[in-house]
PDB file of N, CA and C in Angstrom:
ATOM      1  N   MET A   1     104.104 157.258 108.459  1.00  0.00           N
ATOM      2  CA  MET A   1     102.782 156.881 108.041  1.00  0.00           C
ATOM      3  C   MET A   1     102.282 157.889 107.008  1.00  0.00           C
ATOM      4  N   GLN A   2     102.007 157.445 105.796  1.00  0.00           N
ATOM      5  CA  GLN A   2     101.519 158.345 104.752  1.00  0.00           C
ATOM      6  C   GLN A   2      99.995 158.430 104.830  1.00  0.00           C
ATOM      7  N   GLN A   3      99.481 159.618 104.609  1.00  0.00           N
ATOM      8  CA  GLN A   3      98.050 159.867 104.708  1.00  0.00           C
ATOM      9  C   GLN A   3      97.427 160.023 103.327  1.00  0.00           C
ATOM     10  N   CYS A   4      96.160 159.623 103.217  1.00  0.00           N
ATOM     11  CA  CYS A   4      95.344 159.843 102.022  1.00  0.00           C
ATOM     12  C   CYS A   4      94.180 160.733 102.420  1.00  0.00           C
ATOM     13  N   ILE A   5      93.719 161.518 101.485  1.00  0.00           N
ATOM     14  CA  ILE A   5      92.510 162.302 101.719  1.00  0.00           C
ATOM     15  C   ILE A   5      91.456 161.829 100.732  1.00  0.00           C
ATOM     16  N   LEU A   6      90.312 161.461 101.268  1.00  0.00           N
ATOM     17  CA  LEU A   6      89.169 161.085 100.444  1.00  0.00           C
ATOM     18  C   LEU A   6      88.262 162.310 100.385  1.00  0.00           C
ATOM     19  N   SER A   7      88.279 163.018  99.261  1.00  0.00           N
ATOM     20  CA  SER A   7      87.437 164.207  99.083  1.00  0.00           C
ATOM     21  C   SER A   7      86.020 163.747  98.818  1.00  0.00           C
ATOM     22  N   ILE A   8      85.123 164.201  99.673  1.00  0.00           N
ATOM     23  CA  ILE A   8      83.756 163.694  99.618  1.00  0.00           C
ATOM     24  C   ILE A   8      82.774 164.750  99.143  1.00  0.00           C
ATOM     25  N   GLY A   9      82.964 165.976  99.490  1.00  0.00           N
ATOM     26  CA  GLY A   9      82.075 167.032  99.024  1.00  0.00           C
ATOM     27  C   GLY A   9      81.373 167.718 100.171  1.00  0.00           C
ATOM     28  N   THR A  10      80.306 167.132 100.666  1.00  0.00           N
ATOM     29  CA  THR A  10      79.518 167.794 101.698  1.00  0.00           C
ATOM     30  C   THR A  10      79.933 167.349 103.092  1.00  0.00           C
ATOM     31  N   ILE A  11      79.690 168.199 104.059  1.00  0.00           N
ATOM     32  CA  ILE A  11      79.997 167.866 105.446  1.00  0.00           C
ATOM     33  C   ILE A  11      79.147 166.685 105.911  1.00  0.00           C
ATOM     34  N   THR A  12      77.914 166.595 105.422  1.00  0.00           N
ATOM     35  CA  THR A  12      77.036 165.485 105.804  1.00  0.00           C
ATOM     36  C   THR A  12      77.631 164.143 105.391  1.00  0.00           C
ATOM     37  N   TYR A  13      78.093 164.042 104.150  1.00  0.00           N
ATOM     38  CA  TYR A  13      78.732 162.809 103.689  1.00  0.00           C
ATOM     39  C   TYR A  13      80.043 162.557 104.435  1.00  0.00           C
ATOM     40  N   ALA A  14      80.786 163.603 104.743  1.00  0.00           N
ATOM     41  CA  ALA A  14      82.055 163.438 105.461  1.00  0.00           C
ATOM     42  C   ALA A  14      81.815 162.873 106.860  1.00  0.00           C
ATOM     43  N   ILE A  15      80.805 163.370 107.542  1.00  0.00           N
ATOM     44  CA  ILE A  15      80.470 162.862 108.875  1.00  0.00           C
ATOM     45  C   ILE A  15      80.014 161.414 108.785  1.00  0.00           C
ATOM     46  N   ARG A  16      79.178 161.118 107.815  1.00  0.00           N
ATOM     47  CA  ARG A  16      78.711 159.741 107.625  1.00  0.00           C
ATOM     48  C   ARG A  16      79.887 158.805 107.318  1.00  0.00           C
ATOM     49  N   ALA A  17      80.794 159.248 106.464  1.00  0.00           N
ATOM     50  CA  ALA A  17      81.968 158.451 106.114  1.00  0.00           C
ATOM     51  C   ALA A  17      82.824 158.190 107.345  1.00  0.00           C
ATOM     52  N   ARG A  18      83.064 159.216 108.138  1.00  0.00           N
ATOM     53  CA  ARG A  18      83.875 159.052 109.347  1.00  0.00           C
ATOM     54  C   ARG A  18      83.259 158.028 110.287  1.00  0.00           C
ATOM     55  N   LYS A  19      81.940 158.072 110.452  1.00  0.00           N
ATOM     56  CA  LYS A  19      81.258 157.109 111.328  1.00  0.00           C
ATOM     57  C   LYS A  19      81.358 155.690 110.793  1.00  0.00           C
ATOM     58  N   LEU A  20      81.172 155.523 109.483  1.00  0.00           N
ATOM     59  CA  LEU A  20      81.276 154.192 108.882  1.00  0.00           C
ATOM     60  C   LEU A  20      82.690 153.634 109.020  1.00  0.00           C
ATOM     61  N   LEU A  21      83.683 154.473 108.791  1.00  0.00           N
ATOM     62  CA  LEU A  21      85.066 154.030 108.901  1.00  0.00           C
ATOM     63  C   LEU A  21      85.425 153.703 110.348  1.00  0.00           C
ATOM     64  N   ALA A  22      84.957 154.508 111.288  1.00  0.00           N
ATOM     65  CA  ALA A  22      85.224 154.253 112.704  1.00  0.00           C
ATOM     66  C   ALA A  22      84.619 152.914 113.141  1.00  0.00           C
ATOM     67  N   ALA A  23      83.449 152.586 112.595  1.00  0.00           N
ATOM     68  CA  ALA A  23      82.812 151.303 112.924  1.00  0.00           C
ATOM     69  C   ALA A  23      83.661 150.122 112.462  1.00  0.00           C
ATOM     70  N   SER A  24      84.517 150.359 111.468  1.00  0.00           N
ATOM     71  CA  SER A  24      85.431 149.326 110.970  1.00  0.00           C
ATOM     72  C   SER A  24      86.849 149.523 111.509  1.00  0.00           C
ATOM     73  N   ARG A  25      86.966 150.323 112.545  1.00  0.00           N
ATOM     74  CA  ARG A  25      88.241 150.589 113.216  1.00  0.00           C
ATOM     75  C   ARG A  25      89.292 151.242 112.313  1.00  0.00           C
ATOM     76  N   ILE A  26      88.803 152.113 111.438  1.00  0.00           N
ATOM     77  CA  ILE A  26      89.704 152.916 110.606  1.00  0.00           C
ATOM     78  C   ILE A  26      89.631 154.345 111.130  1.00  0.00           C
ATOM     79  N   SER A  27      90.762 154.845 111.562  1.00  0.00           N
ATOM     80  CA  SER A  27      90.820 156.200 112.085  1.00  0.00           C
ATOM     81  C   SER A  27      90.673 157.189 110.936  1.00  0.00           C
ATOM     82  N   ALA A  28      89.732 158.109 111.067  1.00  0.00           N
ATOM     83  CA  ALA A  28      89.482 159.103 110.023  1.00  0.00           C
ATOM     84  C   ALA A  28      89.244 160.463 110.669  1.00  0.00           C
ATOM     85  N   ARG A  29      89.779 161.486 110.032  1.00  0.00           N
ATOM     86  CA  ARG A  29      89.640 162.853 110.521  1.00  0.00           C
ATOM     87  C   ARG A  29      89.029 163.687 109.413  1.00  0.00           C
ATOM     88  N   ILE A  30      87.992 164.448 109.738  1.00  0.00           N
ATOM     89  CA  ILE A  30      87.353 165.318 108.742  1.00  0.00           C
ATOM     90  C   ILE A  30      88.262 166.506 108.475  1.00  0.00           C
ATOM     91  N   VAL A  31      88.465 166.793 107.191  1.00  0.00           N
ATOM     92  CA  VAL A  31      89.305 167.914 106.784  1.00  0.00           C
ATOM     93  C   VAL A  31      88.568 168.739 105.732  1.00  0.00           C
ATOM     94  N   LYS A  32      88.918 170.000 105.663  1.00  0.00           N
ATOM     95  CA  LYS A  32      88.384 170.888 104.639  1.00  0.00           C
ATOM     96  C   LYS A  32      89.437 170.986 103.546  1.00  0.00           C
ATOM     97  N   THR A  33      89.043 170.752 102.305  1.00  0.00           N
ATOM     98  CA  THR A  33      90.005 170.743 101.205  1.00  0.00           C
ATOM     99  C   THR A  33      89.579 171.749 100.140  1.00  0.00           C
ATOM    100  N   THR A  34      90.505 172.077  99.255  1.00  0.00           N
ATOM    101  CA  THR A  34      90.139 172.919  98.118  1.00  0.00           C
ATOM    102  C   THR A  34      89.441 172.044  97.093  1.00  0.00           C
ATOM    103  N   SER A  35      88.632 172.650  96.294  1.00  0.00           N
ATOM    104  CA  SER A  35      87.857 171.917  95.298  1.00  0.00           C
ATOM    105  C   SER A  35      88.762 171.202  94.324  1.00  0.00           C
ATOM    106  N   GLY A  36      88.497 169.916  94.116  1.00  0.00           N
ATOM    107  CA  GLY A  36      89.244 169.144  93.140  1.00  0.00           C
ATOM    108  C   GLY A  36      88.389 168.823  91.945  1.00  0.00           C
ATOM    109  N   GLY A  37      87.510 169.742  91.572  1.00  0.00           N
ATOM    110  CA  GLY A  37      86.627 169.499  90.448  1.00  0.00           C
ATOM    111  C   GLY A  37      85.253 169.022  90.879  1.00  0.00           C
ATOM    112  N   ARG A  38      85.070 168.759  92.145  1.00  0.00           N
ATOM    113  CA  ARG A  38      83.808 168.243  92.637  1.00  0.00           C
ATOM    114  C   ARG A  38      82.753 169.347  92.774  1.00  0.00           C
ATOM    115  N   SER A  39      83.176 170.558  93.031  1.00  0.00           N
ATOM    116  CA  SER A  39      82.228 171.664  93.131  1.00  0.00           C
ATOM    117  C   SER A  39      82.778 172.854  92.353  1.00  0.00           C
ATOM    118  N   SER A  40      81.901 173.773  92.024  1.00  0.00           N
ATOM    119  CA  SER A  40      82.353 174.910  91.227  1.00  0.00           C
ATOM    120  C   SER A  40      83.052 175.974  92.063  1.00  0.00           C
ATOM    121  N   GLY A  41      82.859 175.924  93.367  1.00  0.00           N
ATOM    122  CA  GLY A  41      83.430 176.957  94.211  1.00  0.00           C
ATOM    123  C   GLY A  41      84.583 176.469  95.044  1.00  0.00           C
ATOM    124  N   GLY A  42      84.844 177.189  96.114  1.00  0.00           N
ATOM    125  CA  GLY A  42      85.995 177.019  96.965  1.00  0.00           C
ATOM    126  C   GLY A  42      86.304 175.679  97.570  1.00  0.00           C
ATOM    127  N   CYS A  43      85.616 175.292  98.627  1.00  0.00           N
ATOM    128  CA  CYS A  43      86.067 174.175  99.444  1.00  0.00           C
ATOM    129  C   CYS A  43      85.107 172.991  99.414  1.00  0.00           C
ATOM    130  N   THR A  44      85.676 171.849  99.668  1.00  0.00           N
ATOM    131  CA  THR A  44      84.905 170.632  99.873  1.00  0.00           C
ATOM    132  C   THR A  44      85.382 170.018 101.177  1.00  0.00           C
ATOM    133  N   TYR A  45      84.700 168.993 101.615  1.00  0.00           N
ATOM    134  CA  TYR A  45      85.099 168.289 102.820  1.00  0.00           C
ATOM    135  C   TYR A  45      85.539 166.889 102.453  1.00  0.00           C
ATOM    136  N   GLY A  46      86.338 166.325 103.315  1.00  0.00           N
ATOM    137  CA  GLY A  46      86.802 164.972 103.099  1.00  0.00           C
ATOM    138  C   GLY A  46      87.239 164.354 104.403  1.00  0.00           C
ATOM    139  N   VAL A  47      87.755 163.143 104.311  1.00  0.00           N
ATOM    140  CA  VAL A  47      88.304 162.473 105.478  1.00  0.00           C
ATOM    141  C   VAL A  47      89.749 162.084 105.179  1.00  0.00           C
ATOM    142  N   GLU A  48      90.577 162.242 106.174  1.00  0.00           N
ATOM    143  CA  GLU A  48      91.980 161.879 106.055  1.00  0.00           C
ATOM    144  C   GLU A  48      92.181 160.548 106.767  1.00  0.00           C
ATOM    145  N   ILE A  49      92.787 159.588 106.066  1.00  0.00           N
ATOM    146  CA  ILE A  49      93.024 158.261 106.618  1.00  0.00           C
ATOM    147  C   ILE A  49      94.463 157.844 106.338  1.00  0.00           C
ATOM    148  N   ASP A  50      94.894 156.788 106.993  1.00  0.00           N
ATOM    149  CA  ASP A  50      96.204 156.214 106.711  1.00  0.00           C
ATOM    150  C   ASP A  50      96.148 155.567 105.333  1.00  0.00           C
ATOM    151  N   ALA A  51      97.194 155.737 104.542  1.00  0.00           N
ATOM    152  CA  ALA A  51      97.228 155.188 103.183  1.00  0.00           C
ATOM    153  C   ALA A  51      97.067 153.666 103.177  1.00  0.00           C
ATOM    154  N   ALA A  52      97.507 153.002 104.228  1.00  0.00           N
ATOM    155  CA  ALA A  52      97.384 151.545 104.308  1.00  0.00           C
ATOM    156  C   ALA A  52      95.922 151.095 104.375  1.00  0.00           C
ATOM    157  N   ASP A  53      95.015 151.980 104.787  1.00  0.00           N
ATOM    158  CA  ASP A  53      93.590 151.653 104.900  1.00  0.00           C
ATOM    159  C   ASP A  53      92.790 152.028 103.660  1.00  0.00           C
ATOM    160  N   MET A  54      93.464 152.515 102.620  1.00  0.00           N
ATOM    161  CA  MET A  54      92.782 153.053 101.445  1.00  0.00           C
ATOM    162  C   MET A  54      91.834 152.054 100.787  1.00  0.00           C
ATOM    163  N   LEU A  55      92.285 150.850 100.514  1.00  0.00           N
ATOM    164  CA  LEU A  55      91.425 149.883  99.820  1.00  0.00           C
ATOM    165  C   LEU A  55      90.211 149.497 100.647  1.00  0.00           C
ATOM    166  N   THR A  56      90.417 149.254 101.933  1.00  0.00           N
ATOM    167  CA  THR A  56      89.304 148.906 102.814  1.00  0.00           C
ATOM    168  C   THR A  56      88.314 150.056 102.900  1.00  0.00           C
ATOM    169  N   ALA A  57      88.834 151.265 103.091  1.00  0.00           N
ATOM    170  CA  ALA A  57      87.969 152.442 103.213  1.00  0.00           C
ATOM    171  C   ALA A  57      87.186 152.692 101.928  1.00  0.00           C
ATOM    172  N   SER A  58      87.835 152.547 100.783  1.00  0.00           N
ATOM    173  CA  SER A  58      87.135 152.790  99.520  1.00  0.00           C
ATOM    174  C   SER A  58      86.011 151.779  99.325  1.00  0.00           C
ATOM    175  N   GLY A  59      86.213 150.544  99.743  1.00  0.00           N
ATOM    176  CA  GLY A  59      85.154 149.540  99.658  1.00  0.00           C
ATOM    177  C   GLY A  59      83.973 149.883 100.550  1.00  0.00           C
ATOM    178  N   ILE A  60      84.264 150.328 101.762  1.00  0.00           N
ATOM    179  CA  ILE A  60      83.207 150.705 102.708  1.00  0.00           C
ATOM    180  C   ILE A  60      82.386 151.869 102.153  1.00  0.00           C
ATOM    181  N   LEU A  61      83.064 152.899 101.654  1.00  0.00           N
ATOM    182  CA  LEU A  61      82.348 154.067 101.136  1.00  0.00           C
ATOM    183  C   LEU A  61      81.558 153.717  99.876  1.00  0.00           C
ATOM    184  N   SER A  62      82.122 152.897  99.018  1.00  0.00           N
ATOM    185  CA  SER A  62      81.412 152.498  97.795  1.00  0.00           C
ATOM    186  C   SER A  62      80.155 151.696  98.120  1.00  0.00           C
ATOM    187  N   ARG A  63      80.278 150.751  99.047  1.00  0.00           N
ATOM    188  CA  ARG A  63      79.111 149.939  99.446  1.00  0.00           C
ATOM    189  C   ARG A  63      78.004 150.787 100.046  1.00  0.00           C
ATOM    190  N   ASN A  64      78.389 151.887 100.671  1.00  0.00           N
ATOM    191  CA  ASN A  64      77.408 152.767 101.313  1.00  0.00           C
ATOM    192  C   ASN A  64      77.053 153.969 100.451  1.00  0.00           C
ATOM    193  N   GLN A  65      77.400 153.921  99.181  1.00  0.00           N
ATOM    194  CA  GLN A  65      77.047 154.922  98.173  1.00  0.00           C
ATOM    195  C   GLN A  65      77.468 156.341  98.550  1.00  0.00           C
ATOM    196  N   ILE A  66      78.697 156.446  99.054  1.00  0.00           N
ATOM    197  CA  ILE A  66      79.267 157.757  99.346  1.00  0.00           C
ATOM    198  C   ILE A  66      80.299 158.047  98.259  1.00  0.00           C
ATOM    199  N   PRO A  67      80.020 159.012  97.373  1.00  0.00           N
ATOM    200  CA  PRO A  67      80.955 159.327  96.283  1.00  0.00           C
ATOM    201  C   PRO A  67      82.194 160.032  96.830  1.00  0.00           C
ATOM    202  N   PHE A  68      83.344 159.703  96.257  1.00  0.00           N
ATOM    203  CA  PHE A  68      84.583 160.317  96.724  1.00  0.00           C
ATOM    204  C   PHE A  68      85.655 160.277  95.649  1.00  0.00           C
ATOM    205  N   GLU A  69      86.649 161.124  95.829  1.00  0.00           N
ATOM    206  CA  GLU A  69      87.889 161.113  95.055  1.00  0.00           C
ATOM    207  C   GLU A  69      89.004 161.048  96.074  1.00  0.00           C
ATOM    208  N   TRP A  70      90.108 160.434  95.720  1.00  0.00           N
ATOM    209  CA  TRP A  70      91.206 160.306  96.673  1.00  0.00           C
ATOM    210  C   TRP A  70      92.425 161.079  96.204  1.00  0.00           C
ATOM    211  N   SER A  71      93.246 161.447  97.160  1.00  0.00           N
ATOM    212  CA  SER A  71      94.514 162.083  96.824  1.00  0.00           C
ATOM    213  C   SER A  71      95.554 161.694  97.862  1.00  0.00           C
ATOM    214  N   ARG A  72      96.769 161.613  97.376  1.00  0.00           N
ATOM    215  CA  ARG A  72      97.928 161.310  98.212  1.00  0.00           C
ATOM    216  C   ARG A  72      99.078 162.074  97.584  1.00  0.00           C
ATOM    217  N   ALA A  73     100.098 162.339  98.299  1.00  0.00           N
ATOM    218  CA  ALA A  73     101.222 163.129  97.786  1.00  0.00           C
ATOM    219  C   ALA A  73     101.606 162.706  96.374  1.00  0.00           C
ATOM    220  N   GLY A  74     101.329 163.555  95.405  1.00  0.00           N
ATOM    221  CA  GLY A  74     101.718 163.305  94.026  1.00  0.00           C
ATOM    222  C   GLY A  74     100.765 162.439  93.229  1.00  0.00           C
ATOM    223  N   GLN A  75      99.681 161.962  93.826  1.00  0.00           N
ATOM    224  CA  GLN A  75      98.735 161.107  93.118  1.00  0.00           C
ATOM    225  C   GLN A  75      97.319 161.534  93.449  1.00  0.00           C
ATOM    226  N   SER A  76      96.392 161.226  92.555  1.00  0.00           N
ATOM    227  CA  SER A  76      94.973 161.441  92.827  1.00  0.00           C
ATOM    228  C   SER A  76      94.176 160.615  91.842  1.00  0.00           C
ATOM    229  N   GLY A  77      92.902 160.469  92.133  1.00  0.00           N
ATOM    230  CA  GLY A  77      92.058 159.711  91.230  1.00  0.00           C
ATOM    231  C   GLY A  77      90.636 159.579  91.739  1.00  0.00           C
ATOM    232  N   ARG A  78      89.839 158.948  90.923  1.00  0.00           N
ATOM    233  CA  ARG A  78      88.435 158.717  91.265  1.00  0.00           C
ATOM    234  C   ARG A  78      88.200 157.226  91.147  1.00  0.00           C
ATOM    235  N   LEU A  79      87.578 156.670  92.158  1.00  0.00           N
ATOM    236  CA  LEU A  79      87.216 155.256  92.112  1.00  0.00           C
ATOM    237  C   LEU A  79      85.744 155.154  91.768  1.00  0.00           C
ATOM    238  N   PRO A  80      85.356 154.131  91.024  1.00  0.00           N
ATOM    239  CA  PRO A  80      83.941 154.005  90.624  1.00  0.00           C
ATOM    240  C   PRO A  80      83.016 153.826  91.788  1.00  0.00           C
TER     241      PRO A  80
END
């Protein structure tokens, strides 16, 4: 099972994202990540999900106005 990390930024948004995803039966774990350009300093927060849930999760977060960037082994990007 390959994992994706949705870098969200703040712990508040990460907690909100995890709750929204759990309500849709998507398992998500809050993780601390290094900054991927989202902040000027050290760490950001995100949620780790199964790569198979990426499209569903991105739709849920977008509808709920939670900004994020995603990363997976060897790939990364920003969804509108």
